[in-house]
PDB file of N, CA and C in Angstrom:
ATOM      1  N   UNK A   1      -4.258  16.438   8.086  1.00  0.00           N
ATOM      2  CA  UNK A   1      -4.293  16.450   6.680  1.00  0.00           C
ATOM      3  C   UNK A   1      -5.534  15.363   6.550  1.00  0.00           C
ATOM      4  N   UNK A   2      -6.058  15.941   5.379  1.00  0.00           N
ATOM      5  CA  UNK A   2      -7.048  15.064   4.733  1.00  0.00           C
ATOM      6  C   UNK A   2      -6.930  14.461   3.580  1.00  0.00           C
ATOM      7  N   UNK A   3      -7.487  12.798   3.870  1.00  0.00           N
ATOM      8  CA  UNK A   3      -7.446  11.916   3.481  1.00  0.00           C
ATOM      9  C   UNK A   3      -7.807  12.171   2.008  1.00  0.00           C
ATOM     10  N   UNK A   4      -7.826  11.910   0.461  1.00  0.00           N
ATOM     11  CA  UNK A   4      -7.672  12.030  -0.562  1.00  0.00           C
ATOM     12  C   UNK A   4      -9.430  11.304  -1.244  1.00  0.00           C
ATOM     13  N   UNK A   5     -10.205  12.519  -1.545  1.00  0.00           N
ATOM     14  CA  UNK A   5     -11.296  11.115  -1.266  1.00  0.00           C
ATOM     15  C   UNK A   5     -11.326  10.476  -2.147  1.00  0.00           C
ATOM     16  N   UNK A   6     -11.058   9.684  -3.118  1.00  0.00           N
ATOM     17  CA  UNK A   6     -10.531   9.335  -4.037  1.00  0.00           C
ATOM     18  C   UNK A   6     -10.765   7.970  -3.414  1.00  0.00           C
ATOM     19  N   UNK A   7      -9.599   8.402  -3.095  1.00  0.00           N
ATOM     20  CA  UNK A   7      -8.648   6.945  -2.710  1.00  0.00           C
ATOM     21  C   UNK A   7      -9.627   6.261  -0.834  1.00  0.00           C
ATOM     22  N   UNK A   8      -9.472   7.459  -0.090  1.00  0.00           N
ATOM     23  CA  UNK A   8     -10.764   6.789   1.109  1.00  0.00           C
ATOM     24  C   UNK A   8     -12.249   5.598  -0.011  1.00  0.00           C
ATOM     25  N   UNK A   9     -12.780   6.565  -1.034  1.00  0.00           N
ATOM     26  CA  UNK A   9     -14.037   5.845  -2.037  1.00  0.00           C
ATOM     27  C   UNK A   9     -12.994   4.544  -2.070  1.00  0.00           C
ATOM     28  N   UNK A  10     -12.141   4.352  -3.058  1.00  0.00           N
ATOM     29  CA  UNK A  10     -11.460   3.197  -3.506  1.00  0.00           C
ATOM     30  C   UNK A  10     -11.616   2.334  -2.483  1.00  0.00           C
ATOM     31  N   UNK A  11     -11.063   2.161  -0.911  1.00  0.00           N
ATOM     32  CA  UNK A  11     -10.545   1.517  -0.335  1.00  0.00           C
ATOM     33  C   UNK A  11     -12.037   0.787   0.187  1.00  0.00           C
ATOM     34  N   UNK A  12     -13.070   1.525  -0.112  1.00  0.00           N
ATOM     35  CA  UNK A  12     -13.972   1.224   0.745  1.00  0.00           C
ATOM     36  C   UNK A  12     -14.827   0.478  -0.076  1.00  0.00           C
ATOM     37  N   UNK A  13     -15.266   0.951  -1.119  1.00  0.00           N
ATOM     38  CA  UNK A  13     -15.623  -0.641  -2.692  1.00  0.00           C
ATOM     39  C   UNK A  13     -14.631  -1.706  -2.310  1.00  0.00           C
ATOM     40  N   UNK A  14     -13.061  -1.910  -2.359  1.00  0.00           N
ATOM     41  CA  UNK A  14     -12.609  -2.633  -2.582  1.00  0.00           C
ATOM     42  C   UNK A  14     -13.038  -3.459  -1.070  1.00  0.00           C
ATOM     43  N   UNK A  15     -13.697  -2.904   0.162  1.00  0.00           N
ATOM     44  CA  UNK A  15     -13.715  -3.741   0.987  1.00  0.00           C
ATOM     45  C   UNK A  15     -14.646  -3.822   1.276  1.00  0.00           C
ATOM     46  N   UNK A  16     -16.624  -4.001   0.415  1.00  0.00           N
ATOM     47  CA  UNK A  16     -17.375  -3.216   0.587  1.00  0.00           C
ATOM     48  C   UNK A  16     -17.593  -4.708  -0.699  1.00  0.00           C
ATOM     49  N   UNK A  17     -16.706  -4.892  -2.033  1.00  0.00           N
ATOM     50  CA  UNK A  17     -17.094  -5.664  -2.970  1.00  0.00           C
ATOM     51  C   UNK A  17     -16.371  -7.687  -1.487  1.00  0.00           C
ATOM     52  N   UNK A  18     -15.438  -7.385  -1.278  1.00  0.00           N
ATOM     53  CA  UNK A  18     -14.952  -8.479  -1.085  1.00  0.00           C
ATOM     54  C   UNK A  18     -15.915  -8.978   0.348  1.00  0.00           C
ATOM     55  N   UNK A  19     -16.810  -7.828   0.921  1.00  0.00           N
ATOM     56  CA  UNK A  19     -17.556  -8.465   2.289  1.00  0.00           C
ATOM     57  C   UNK A  19     -18.784  -8.814   0.776  1.00  0.00           C
ATOM     58  N   UNK A  20     -19.200  -8.368  -0.298  1.00  0.00           N
ATOM     59  CA  UNK A  20     -19.912  -8.886  -0.760  1.00  0.00           C
ATOM     60  C   UNK A  20     -19.615 -10.361  -1.775  1.00  0.00           C
ATOM     61  N   UNK A  21     -18.491 -10.514  -2.171  1.00  0.00           N
ATOM     62  CA  UNK A  21     -17.791 -11.802  -3.088  1.00  0.00           C
ATOM     63  C   UNK A  21     -18.130 -13.023  -1.526  1.00  0.00           C
ATOM     64  N   UNK A  22     -18.527 -12.894  -0.101  1.00  0.00           N
ATOM     65  CA  UNK A  22     -18.285 -13.867   0.754  1.00  0.00           C
ATOM     66  C   UNK A  22     -19.662 -14.389   0.772  1.00  0.00           C
ATOM     67  N   UNK A  23     -20.795 -12.639   1.237  1.00  0.00           N
ATOM     68  CA  UNK A  23     -22.052 -13.203   1.340  1.00  0.00           C
ATOM     69  C   UNK A  23     -22.623 -13.497   0.079  1.00  0.00           C
ATOM     70  N   UNK A  24     -22.007 -13.714  -1.362  1.00  0.00           N
ATOM     71  CA  UNK A  24     -23.429 -13.396  -2.122  1.00  0.00           C
ATOM     72  C   UNK A  24     -22.231 -14.108  -3.455  1.00  0.00           C
ATOM     73  N   UNK A  25     -22.453 -16.100  -3.579  1.00  0.00           N
ATOM     74  CA  UNK A  25     -20.927 -15.809  -4.780  1.00  0.00           C
ATOM     75  C   UNK A  25     -21.919 -16.008  -5.700  1.00  0.00           C
ATOM     76  N   UNK A  26     -22.619 -15.673  -5.774  1.00  0.00           N
ATOM     77  CA  UNK A  26     -23.733 -15.072  -7.175  1.00  0.00           C
ATOM     78  C   UNK A  26     -23.424 -13.931  -8.168  1.00  0.00           C
ATOM     79  N   UNK A  27     -22.925 -12.957  -6.833  1.00  0.00           N
ATOM     80  CA  UNK A  27     -22.488 -11.734  -7.258  1.00  0.00           C
ATOM     81  C   UNK A  27     -20.947 -11.283  -7.709  1.00  0.00           C
ATOM     82  N   UNK A  28     -20.072 -10.524  -8.556  1.00  0.00           N
ATOM     83  CA  UNK A  28     -19.331 -11.301  -8.539  1.00  0.00           C
ATOM     84  C   UNK A  28     -18.850  -9.497  -9.760  1.00  0.00           C
ATOM     85  N   UNK A  29     -18.655  -8.362  -8.314  1.00  0.00           N
ATOM     86  CA  UNK A  29     -18.945  -7.401  -9.148  1.00  0.00           C
ATOM     87  C   UNK A  29     -17.724  -6.412  -9.610  1.00  0.00           C
ATOM     88  N   UNK A  30     -16.921  -5.641 -10.110  1.00  0.00           N
ATOM     89  CA  UNK A  30     -16.425  -5.112 -11.097  1.00  0.00           C
ATOM     90  C   UNK A  30     -16.048  -3.767 -10.729  1.00  0.00           C
ATOM     91  N   UNK A  31     -14.544  -3.157 -10.223  1.00  0.00           N
ATOM     92  CA  UNK A  31     -14.770  -2.071  -9.466  1.00  0.00           C
ATOM     93  C   UNK A  31     -13.493  -1.669 -10.788  1.00  0.00           C
ATOM     94  N   UNK A  32     -14.046  -0.377 -10.760  1.00  0.00           N
ATOM     95  CA  UNK A  32     -13.001   0.135 -11.824  1.00  0.00           C
ATOM     96  C   UNK A  32     -13.087   1.802 -11.412  1.00  0.00           C
ATOM     97  N   UNK A  33     -11.660   2.830 -11.870  1.00  0.00           N
ATOM     98  CA  UNK A  33     -11.913   4.009 -10.804  1.00  0.00           C
ATOM     99  C   UNK A  33     -11.379   4.128 -12.421  1.00  0.00           C
ATOM    100  N   UNK A  34     -11.723   5.412 -13.622  1.00  0.00           N
ATOM    101  CA  UNK A  34     -12.268   5.948 -15.230  1.00  0.00           C
ATOM    102  C   UNK A  34     -10.835   7.077 -14.276  1.00  0.00           C
ATOM    103  N   UNK A  35     -10.176   7.445 -15.019  1.00  0.00           N
ATOM    104  CA  UNK A  35     -10.117   8.672 -15.657  1.00  0.00           C
ATOM    105  C   UNK A  35      -9.918   9.592 -16.545  1.00  0.00           C
ATOM    106  N   UNK A  36     -10.562   8.635 -16.923  1.00  0.00           N
ATOM    107  CA  UNK A  36     -10.748   9.028 -18.393  1.00  0.00           C
ATOM    108  C   UNK A  36     -12.065  10.786 -18.691  1.00  0.00           C
ATOM    109  N   UNK A  37     -12.132  10.838 -17.458  1.00  0.00           N
ATOM    110  CA  UNK A  37     -12.851  12.204 -17.788  1.00  0.00           C
ATOM    111  C   UNK A  37     -11.775  12.911 -16.997  1.00  0.00           C
ATOM    112  N   UNK A  38     -11.295  13.466 -16.735  1.00  0.00           N
ATOM    113  CA  UNK A  38     -10.429  13.840 -16.180  1.00  0.00           C
ATOM    114  C   UNK A  38      -9.325  14.230 -17.046  1.00  0.00           C
ATOM    115  N   UNK A  39      -8.658  13.297 -17.449  1.00  0.00           N
ATOM    116  CA  UNK A  39      -7.505  13.155 -19.204  1.00  0.00           C
ATOM    117  C   UNK A  39      -7.949  14.087 -19.876  1.00  0.00           C
ATOM    118  N   UNK A  40     -10.035  14.154 -20.158  1.00  0.00           N
ATOM    119  CA  UNK A  40     -10.342  15.008 -20.704  1.00  0.00           C
ATOM    120  C   UNK A  40     -10.320  16.561 -20.633  1.00  0.00           C
ATOM    121  N   UNK A  41     -10.326  17.036 -18.872  1.00  0.00           N
ATOM    122  CA  UNK A  41     -10.326  18.439 -18.770  1.00  0.00           C
ATOM    123  C   UNK A  41     -11.635  18.729 -18.405  1.00  0.00           C
ATOM    124  N   UNK A  42     -13.109  18.138 -18.024  1.00  0.00           N
ATOM    125  CA  UNK A  42     -14.008  17.094 -16.938  1.00  0.00           C
ATOM    126  C   UNK A  42     -13.594  16.938 -15.622  1.00  0.00           C
ATOM    127  N   UNK A  43     -13.839  18.135 -14.516  1.00  0.00           N
ATOM    128  CA  UNK A  43     -13.539  18.647 -12.675  1.00  0.00           C
ATOM    129  C   UNK A  43     -14.037  17.315 -12.346  1.00  0.00           C
ATOM    130  N   UNK A  44     -13.576  16.127 -12.749  1.00  0.00           N
ATOM    131  CA  UNK A  44     -14.404  14.957 -11.610  1.00  0.00           C
ATOM    132  C   UNK A  44     -14.171  13.422 -12.040  1.00  0.00           C
ATOM    133  N   UNK A  45     -13.752  12.582 -10.981  1.00  0.00           N
ATOM    134  CA  UNK A  45     -13.321  11.282 -10.651  1.00  0.00           C
ATOM    135  C   UNK A  45     -14.581  10.160 -11.098  1.00  0.00           C
ATOM    136  N   UNK A  46     -14.046   9.195 -11.412  1.00  0.00           N
ATOM    137  CA  UNK A  46     -16.267   8.139 -11.682  1.00  0.00           C
ATOM    138  C   UNK A  46     -14.720   6.645 -11.616  1.00  0.00           C
ATOM    139  N   UNK A  47     -16.422   6.101 -10.524  1.00  0.00           N
ATOM    140  CA  UNK A  47     -15.266   5.203 -10.172  1.00  0.00           C
ATOM    141  C   UNK A  47     -16.712   4.111 -10.293  1.00  0.00           C
ATOM    142  N   UNK A  48     -17.199   2.914 -11.148  1.00  0.00           N
ATOM    143  CA  UNK A  48     -18.351   1.804 -11.429  1.00  0.00           C
ATOM    144  C   UNK A  48     -17.421   1.214 -10.971  1.00  0.00           C
ATOM    145  N   UNK A  49     -18.922   0.680 -10.303  1.00  0.00           N
ATOM    146  CA  UNK A  49     -19.188  -1.242  -9.525  1.00  0.00           C
ATOM    147  C   UNK A  49     -20.049  -1.722 -10.679  1.00  0.00           C
ATOM    148  N   UNK A  50     -19.371  -2.898 -11.662  1.00  0.00           N
ATOM    149  CA  UNK A  50     -20.231  -3.197 -12.450  1.00  0.00           C
ATOM    150  C   UNK A  50     -20.709  -4.851 -12.060  1.00  0.00           C
ATOM    151  N   UNK A  51     -22.176  -5.151 -12.136  1.00  0.00           N
ATOM    152  CA  UNK A  51     -22.146  -6.775 -12.237  1.00  0.00           C
ATOM    153  C   UNK A  51     -22.437  -7.368 -13.400  1.00  0.00           C
ATOM    154  N   UNK A  52     -21.435  -8.098 -13.754  1.00  0.00           N
ATOM    155  CA  UNK A  52     -21.551  -9.068 -15.743  1.00  0.00           C
ATOM    156  C   UNK A  52     -22.897  -9.543 -15.509  1.00  0.00           C
ATOM    157  N   UNK A  53     -22.904 -10.145 -14.117  1.00  0.00           N
ATOM    158  CA  UNK A  53     -24.536 -11.355 -14.312  1.00  0.00           C
ATOM    159  C   UNK A  53     -25.541 -10.747 -14.586  1.00  0.00           C
ATOM    160  N   UNK A  54     -25.914  -9.728 -14.192  1.00  0.00           N
ATOM    161  CA  UNK A  54     -26.485  -9.016 -14.342  1.00  0.00           C
ATOM    162  C   UNK A  54     -26.892  -7.908 -14.485  1.00  0.00           C
ATOM    163  N   UNK A  55     -25.554  -7.220 -15.625  1.00  0.00           N
ATOM    164  CA  UNK A  55     -25.909  -6.091 -16.688  1.00  0.00           C
ATOM    165  C   UNK A  55     -25.960  -4.969 -16.009  1.00  0.00           C
ATOM    166  N   UNK A  56     -25.966  -4.908 -14.933  1.00  0.00           N
ATOM    167  CA  UNK A  56     -26.144  -3.527 -14.297  1.00  0.00           C
ATOM    168  C   UNK A  56     -24.882  -2.773 -13.621  1.00  0.00           C
ATOM    169  N   UNK A  57     -25.146  -1.937 -13.928  1.00  0.00           N
ATOM    170  CA  UNK A  57     -23.623  -1.026 -13.204  1.00  0.00           C
ATOM    171  C   UNK A  57     -24.364   0.197 -11.471  1.00  0.00           C
ATOM    172  N   UNK A  58     -23.012   0.188 -10.860  1.00  0.00           N
ATOM    173  CA  UNK A  58     -23.505   1.486 -10.699  1.00  0.00           C
ATOM    174  C   UNK A  58     -22.069   2.985 -10.573  1.00  0.00           C
ATOM    175  N   UNK A  59     -22.257   3.864 -10.948  1.00  0.00           N
ATOM    176  CA  UNK A  59     -21.694   4.748 -11.115  1.00  0.00           C
ATOM    177  C   UNK A  59     -21.587   6.134  -9.915  1.00  0.00           C
ATOM    178  N   UNK A  60     -20.419   6.140  -9.550  1.00  0.00           N
ATOM    179  CA  UNK A  60     -19.922   7.156  -8.346  1.00  0.00           C
ATOM    180  C   UNK A  60     -19.173   8.337  -8.645  1.00  0.00           C
ATOM    181  N   UNK A  61     -19.700   9.217  -8.594  1.00  0.00           N
ATOM    182  CA  UNK A  61     -18.279  10.333  -9.358  1.00  0.00           C
ATOM    183  C   UNK A  61     -18.388  11.002  -7.931  1.00  0.00           C
ATOM    184  N   UNK A  62     -17.332  12.027  -7.634  1.00  0.00           N
ATOM    185  CA  UNK A  62     -16.462  13.247  -6.921  1.00  0.00           C
ATOM    186  C   UNK A  62     -16.774  13.878  -7.801  1.00  0.00           C
ATOM    187  N   UNK A  63     -16.985  15.056  -7.973  1.00  0.00           N
ATOM    188  CA  UNK A  63     -16.888  16.469  -9.356  1.00  0.00           C
ATOM    189  C   UNK A  63     -15.820  17.468  -8.024  1.00  0.00           C
ATOM    190  N   UNK A  64     -15.375  17.544  -9.203  1.00  0.00           N
ATOM    191  CA  UNK A  64     -14.467  18.620  -8.249  1.00  0.00           C
ATOM    192  C   UNK A  64     -15.221  20.753  -7.681  1.00  0.00           C
ATOM    193  N   UNK A  65     -16.444  20.732  -8.182  1.00  0.00           N
ATOM    194  CA  UNK A  65     -17.272  21.773  -8.433  1.00  0.00           C
ATOM    195  C   UNK A  65     -18.826  21.189  -7.268  1.00  0.00           C
ATOM    196  N   UNK A  66     -18.504  20.045  -6.453  1.00  0.00           N
ATOM    197  CA  UNK A  66     -19.137  19.930  -5.402  1.00  0.00           C
ATOM    198  C   UNK A  66     -18.334  18.567  -4.788  1.00  0.00           C
ATOM    199  N   UNK A  67     -17.199  19.944  -3.873  1.00  0.00           N
ATOM    200  CA  UNK A  67     -16.569  19.041  -2.306  1.00  0.00           C
ATOM    201  C   UNK A  67     -17.393  18.994  -1.772  1.00  0.00           C
ATOM    202  N   UNK A  68     -16.904  17.206  -1.260  1.00  0.00           N
ATOM    203  CA  UNK A  68     -18.183  16.298   0.442  1.00  0.00           C
ATOM    204  C   UNK A  68     -19.087  15.224  -0.464  1.00  0.00           C
ATOM    205  N   UNK A  69     -19.116  15.642  -2.157  1.00  0.00           N
ATOM    206  CA  UNK A  69     -20.363  15.698  -1.977  1.00  0.00           C
ATOM    207  C   UNK A  69     -20.236  13.594  -3.197  1.00  0.00           C
ATOM    208  N   UNK A  70     -20.614  12.782  -2.346  1.00  0.00           N
ATOM    209  CA  UNK A  70     -20.851  12.016  -4.040  1.00  0.00           C
ATOM    210  C   UNK A  70     -22.226  12.006  -4.714  1.00  0.00           C
ATOM    211  N   UNK A  71     -22.267  11.675  -6.200  1.00  0.00           N
ATOM    212  CA  UNK A  71     -22.715  11.461  -7.049  1.00  0.00           C
ATOM    213  C   UNK A  71     -22.461   9.965  -7.604  1.00  0.00           C
ATOM    214  N   UNK A  72     -24.309   9.327  -7.373  1.00  0.00           N
ATOM    215  CA  UNK A  72     -24.149   7.967  -8.259  1.00  0.00           C
ATOM    216  C   UNK A  72     -25.574   8.276  -9.068  1.00  0.00           C
ATOM    217  N   UNK A  73     -25.650   7.009  -9.234  1.00  0.00           N
ATOM    218  CA  UNK A  73     -26.272   6.627 -10.164  1.00  0.00           C
ATOM    219  C   UNK A  73     -26.471   5.204 -10.501  1.00  0.00           C
ATOM    220  N   UNK A  74     -27.400   4.667 -10.295  1.00  0.00           N
ATOM    221  CA  UNK A  74     -28.279   2.752 -10.306  1.00  0.00           C
ATOM    222  C   UNK A  74     -28.857   2.873 -12.126  1.00  0.00           C
ATOM    223  N   UNK A  75     -27.732   2.490 -13.025  1.00  0.00           N
ATOM    224  CA  UNK A  75     -27.875   1.993 -14.703  1.00  0.00           C
ATOM    225  C   UNK A  75     -27.429   1.131 -14.984  1.00  0.00           C
ATOM    226  N   UNK A  76     -27.992   0.542 -16.507  1.00  0.00           N
ATOM    227  CA  UNK A  76     -27.525  -0.593 -16.596  1.00  0.00           C
ATOM    228  C   UNK A  76     -26.059  -0.855 -17.447  1.00  0.00           C
ATOM    229  N   UNK A  77     -25.905  -1.692 -17.595  1.00  0.00           N
ATOM    230  CA  UNK A  77     -24.440  -1.326 -18.364  1.00  0.00           C
ATOM    231  C   UNK A  77     -24.363  -1.690 -19.255  1.00  0.00           C
ATOM    232  N   UNK A  78     -25.483  -1.437 -20.442  1.00  0.00           N
ATOM    233  CA  UNK A  78     -25.964  -0.713 -22.151  1.00  0.00           C
ATOM    234  C   UNK A  78     -26.417  -0.085 -22.528  1.00  0.00           C
ATOM    235  N   UNK A  79     -26.560   1.390 -21.184  1.00  0.00           N
ATOM    236  CA  UNK A  79     -26.872   2.301 -21.070  1.00  0.00           C
ATOM    237  C   UNK A  79     -25.892   3.311 -20.442  1.00  0.00           C
ATOM    238  N   UNK A  80     -26.407   4.456 -21.437  1.00  0.00           N
ATOM    239  CA  UNK A  80     -25.147   5.667 -21.039  1.00  0.00           C
ATOM    240  C   UNK A  80     -26.059   6.415 -20.344  1.00  0.00           C
ATOM    241  N   UNK A  81     -25.339   6.538 -19.240  1.00  0.00           N
ATOM    242  CA  UNK A  81     -25.745   7.846 -18.183  1.00  0.00           C
ATOM    243  C   UNK A  81     -26.359   8.660 -18.153  1.00  0.00           C
ATOM    244  N   UNK A  82     -27.913   8.768 -17.475  1.00  0.00           N
ATOM    245  CA  UNK A  82     -28.104  10.396 -17.743  1.00  0.00           C
ATOM    246  C   UNK A  82     -27.214  11.177 -17.318  1.00  0.00           C
ATOM    247  N   UNK A  83     -28.387  12.658 -16.772  1.00  0.00           N
ATOM    248  CA  UNK A  83     -27.936  13.547 -16.040  1.00  0.00           C
ATOM    249  C   UNK A  83     -28.298  13.912 -15.111  1.00  0.00           C
ATOM    250  N   UNK A  84     -29.562  12.612 -14.702  1.00  0.00           N
ATOM    251  CA  UNK A  84     -29.403  12.916 -13.476  1.00  0.00           C
ATOM    252  C   UNK A  84     -28.865  11.939 -12.335  1.00  0.00           C
ATOM    253  N   UNK A  85     -28.055  12.787 -11.177  1.00  0.00           N
ATOM    254  CA  UNK A  85     -27.596  11.806 -10.034  1.00  0.00           C
ATOM    255  C   UNK A  85     -28.153  12.206  -8.545  1.00  0.00           C
ATOM    256  N   UNK A  86     -28.327  11.518  -8.389  1.00  0.00           N
ATOM    257  CA  UNK A  86     -28.420  11.280  -7.429  1.00  0.00           C
ATOM    258  C   UNK A  86     -27.161  12.312  -6.162  1.00  0.00           C
ATOM    259  N   UNK A  87     -27.623  12.722  -4.492  1.00  0.00           N
ATOM    260  CA  UNK A  87     -26.509  13.080  -4.124  1.00  0.00           C
ATOM    261  C   UNK A  87     -26.920  12.920  -2.618  1.00  0.00           C
ATOM    262  N   UNK A  88     -25.292  12.013  -2.258  1.00  0.00           N
ATOM    263  CA  UNK A  88     -25.425  12.102  -1.023  1.00  0.00           C
ATOM    264  C   UNK A  88     -23.628  12.188   0.317  1.00  0.00           C
ATOM    265  N   UNK A  89     -23.613  13.331   1.334  1.00  0.00           N
ATOM    266  CA  UNK A  89     -23.119  13.813   1.878  1.00  0.00           C
ATOM    267  C   UNK A  89     -21.495  12.499   1.853  1.00  0.00           C
ATOM    268  N   UNK A  90     -20.543  12.568   1.603  1.00  0.00           N
ATOM    269  CA  UNK A  90     -19.254  11.836   1.007  1.00  0.00           C
ATOM    270  C   UNK A  90     -18.642  11.037   2.954  1.00  0.00           C
ATOM    271  N   UNK A  91     -19.036  11.847   3.502  1.00  0.00           N
ATOM    272  CA  UNK A  91     -19.153  11.221   4.889  1.00  0.00           C
ATOM    273  C   UNK A  91     -20.096  10.782   5.067  1.00  0.00           C
ATOM    274  N   UNK A  92     -20.702  10.750   4.844  1.00  0.00           N
ATOM    275  CA  UNK A  92     -22.588   9.409   5.069  1.00  0.00           C
ATOM    276  C   UNK A  92     -22.189   7.974   4.489  1.00  0.00           C
ATOM    277  N   UNK A  93     -20.977   8.332   2.939  1.00  0.00           N
ATOM    278  CA  UNK A  93     -20.742   7.076   2.774  1.00  0.00           C
ATOM    279  C   UNK A  93     -20.185   6.070   3.617  1.00  0.00           C
ATOM    280  N   UNK A  94     -19.902   4.591   3.906  1.00  0.00           N
ATOM    281  CA  UNK A  94     -18.875   4.131   4.391  1.00  0.00           C
ATOM    282  C   UNK A  94     -19.436   2.312   3.601  1.00  0.00           C
ATOM    283  N   UNK A  95     -18.405   1.349   4.259  1.00  0.00           N
ATOM    284  CA  UNK A  95     -18.557   0.309   3.248  1.00  0.00           C
ATOM    285  C   UNK A  95     -20.471  -0.255   3.192  1.00  0.00           C
ATOM    286  N   UNK A  96     -20.611  -0.298   4.556  1.00  0.00           N
ATOM    287  CA  UNK A  96     -22.313  -0.361   4.564  1.00  0.00           C
ATOM    288  C   UNK A  96     -23.066  -0.503   3.473  1.00  0.00           C
ATOM    289  N   UNK A  97     -22.126   0.776   3.008  1.00  0.00           N
ATOM    290  CA  UNK A  97     -23.058   1.806   2.548  1.00  0.00           C
ATOM    291  C   UNK A  97     -23.118   1.229   0.724  1.00  0.00           C
ATOM    292  N   UNK A  98     -22.262   1.037   0.662  1.00  0.00           N
ATOM    293  CA  UNK A  98     -21.744   0.418  -1.050  1.00  0.00           C
ATOM    294  C   UNK A  98     -22.634  -0.938  -1.114  1.00  0.00           C
ATOM    295  N   UNK A  99     -21.878  -1.905   0.304  1.00  0.00           N
ATOM    296  CA  UNK A  99     -22.455  -3.012   0.225  1.00  0.00           C
ATOM    297  C   UNK A  99     -23.800  -3.501   0.468  1.00  0.00           C
ATOM    298  N   UNK A 100     -23.991  -2.261   0.254  1.00  0.00           N
ATOM    299  CA  UNK A 100     -26.051  -2.467   0.318  1.00  0.00           C
ATOM    300  C   UNK A 100     -26.298  -2.625  -0.584  1.00  0.00           C
ATOM    301  N   UNK A 101     -25.893  -1.336  -1.713  1.00  0.00           N
ATOM    302  CA  UNK A 101     -26.140  -0.885  -2.664  1.00  0.00           C
ATOM    303  C   UNK A 101     -25.696  -1.824  -3.580  1.00  0.00           C
ATOM    304  N   UNK A 102     -24.728  -2.463  -3.461  1.00  0.00           N
ATOM    305  CA  UNK A 102     -24.072  -3.933  -4.315  1.00  0.00           C
ATOM    306  C   UNK A 102     -25.113  -4.858  -3.891  1.00  0.00           C
ATOM    307  N   UNK A 103     -25.198  -4.633  -3.038  1.00  0.00           N
ATOM    308  CA  UNK A 103     -26.410  -6.397  -2.332  1.00  0.00           C
ATOM    309  C   UNK A 103     -28.524  -6.004  -2.949  1.00  0.00           C
ATOM    310  N   UNK A 104     -27.824  -4.561  -2.740  1.00  0.00           N
ATOM    311  CA  UNK A 104     -30.042  -4.720  -3.496  1.00  0.00           C
ATOM    312  C   UNK A 104     -29.870  -4.127  -5.142  1.00  0.00           C
ATOM    313  N   UNK A 105     -29.024  -3.834  -5.254  1.00  0.00           N
ATOM    314  CA  UNK A 105     -29.203  -3.499  -7.130  1.00  0.00           C
ATOM    315  C   UNK A 105     -28.527  -4.961  -7.780  1.00  0.00           C
ATOM    316  N   UNK A 106     -27.880  -5.076  -7.023  1.00  0.00           N
ATOM    317  CA  UNK A 106     -26.674  -6.508  -7.945  1.00  0.00           C
ATOM    318  C   UNK A 106     -27.758  -8.094  -8.266  1.00  0.00           C
ATOM    319  N   UNK A 107     -28.331  -8.178  -6.869  1.00  0.00           N
ATOM    320  CA  UNK A 107     -28.921  -9.410  -6.480  1.00  0.00           C
ATOM    321  C   UNK A 107     -30.646  -9.612  -6.727  1.00  0.00           C
ATOM    322  N   UNK A 108     -31.097  -8.251  -7.100  1.00  0.00           N
ATOM    323  CA  UNK A 108     -33.214  -8.714  -7.003  1.00  0.00           C
ATOM    324  C   UNK A 108     -33.566  -8.731  -8.616  1.00  0.00           C
ATOM    325  N   UNK A 109     -31.902  -9.439  -9.379  1.00  0.00           N
ATOM    326  CA  UNK A 109     -32.135  -9.250 -10.517  1.00  0.00           C
ATOM    327  C   UNK A 109     -32.192 -10.762 -10.964  1.00  0.00           C
ATOM    328  N   UNK A 110     -33.059 -11.887 -11.919  1.00  0.00           N
ATOM    329  CA  UNK A 110     -33.087 -13.307 -12.007  1.00  0.00           C
ATOM    330  C   UNK A 110     -31.432 -13.712 -11.348  1.00  0.00           C
ATOM    331  N   UNK A 111     -31.277 -14.636 -11.381  1.00  0.00           N
ATOM    332  CA  UNK A 111     -30.112 -14.937 -11.433  1.00  0.00           C
ATOM    333  C   UNK A 111     -30.247 -16.371 -11.494  1.00  0.00           C
ATOM    334  N   UNK A 112     -29.754 -17.439 -13.244  1.00  0.00           N
ATOM    335  CA  UNK A 112     -28.998 -18.332 -14.013  1.00  0.00           C
ATOM    336  C   UNK A 112     -28.061 -19.305 -12.586  1.00  0.00           C
ATOM    337  N   UNK A 113     -28.911 -20.293 -11.353  1.00  0.00           N
ATOM    338  CA  UNK A 113     -27.653 -20.895 -10.726  1.00  0.00           C
ATOM    339  C   UNK A 113     -27.951 -22.025 -11.195  1.00  0.00           C
ATOM    340  N   UNK A 114     -28.278 -22.675 -12.147  1.00  0.00           N
ATOM    341  CA  UNK A 114     -28.596 -23.746 -13.017  1.00  0.00           C
ATOM    342  C   UNK A 114     -27.576 -23.467 -14.642  1.00  0.00           C
ATOM    343  N   UNK A 115     -26.555 -22.864 -14.291  1.00  0.00           N
ATOM    344  CA  UNK A 115     -25.573 -22.748 -15.674  1.00  0.00           C
ATOM    345  C   UNK A 115     -24.506 -23.839 -16.490  1.00  0.00           C
TER     346      UNK A 115
END
């Protein structure tokens, strides 16, 4: 019995989110699973990891036509997703992968510690 890829990815994102919050108090990512595409007939599940402080987003897509692959893109919150996604074999994605992406992408923007 194989685990649902979306559930596995969601569990990894939750664990990575917890680790980020413990290591970097100024990064408070928001993880969301978006079912809108599937609801309108597009054969994919989408997860977003947003950082409101830096206005950046990591978009993760599990597409039915590319089983076993994770499509991902780094973008701004105010940008539409482009058609150019990077690909990574899903079995190569782990908590540390997601943690690293959040750490690198969300913390390299200037922070405002004196708010």
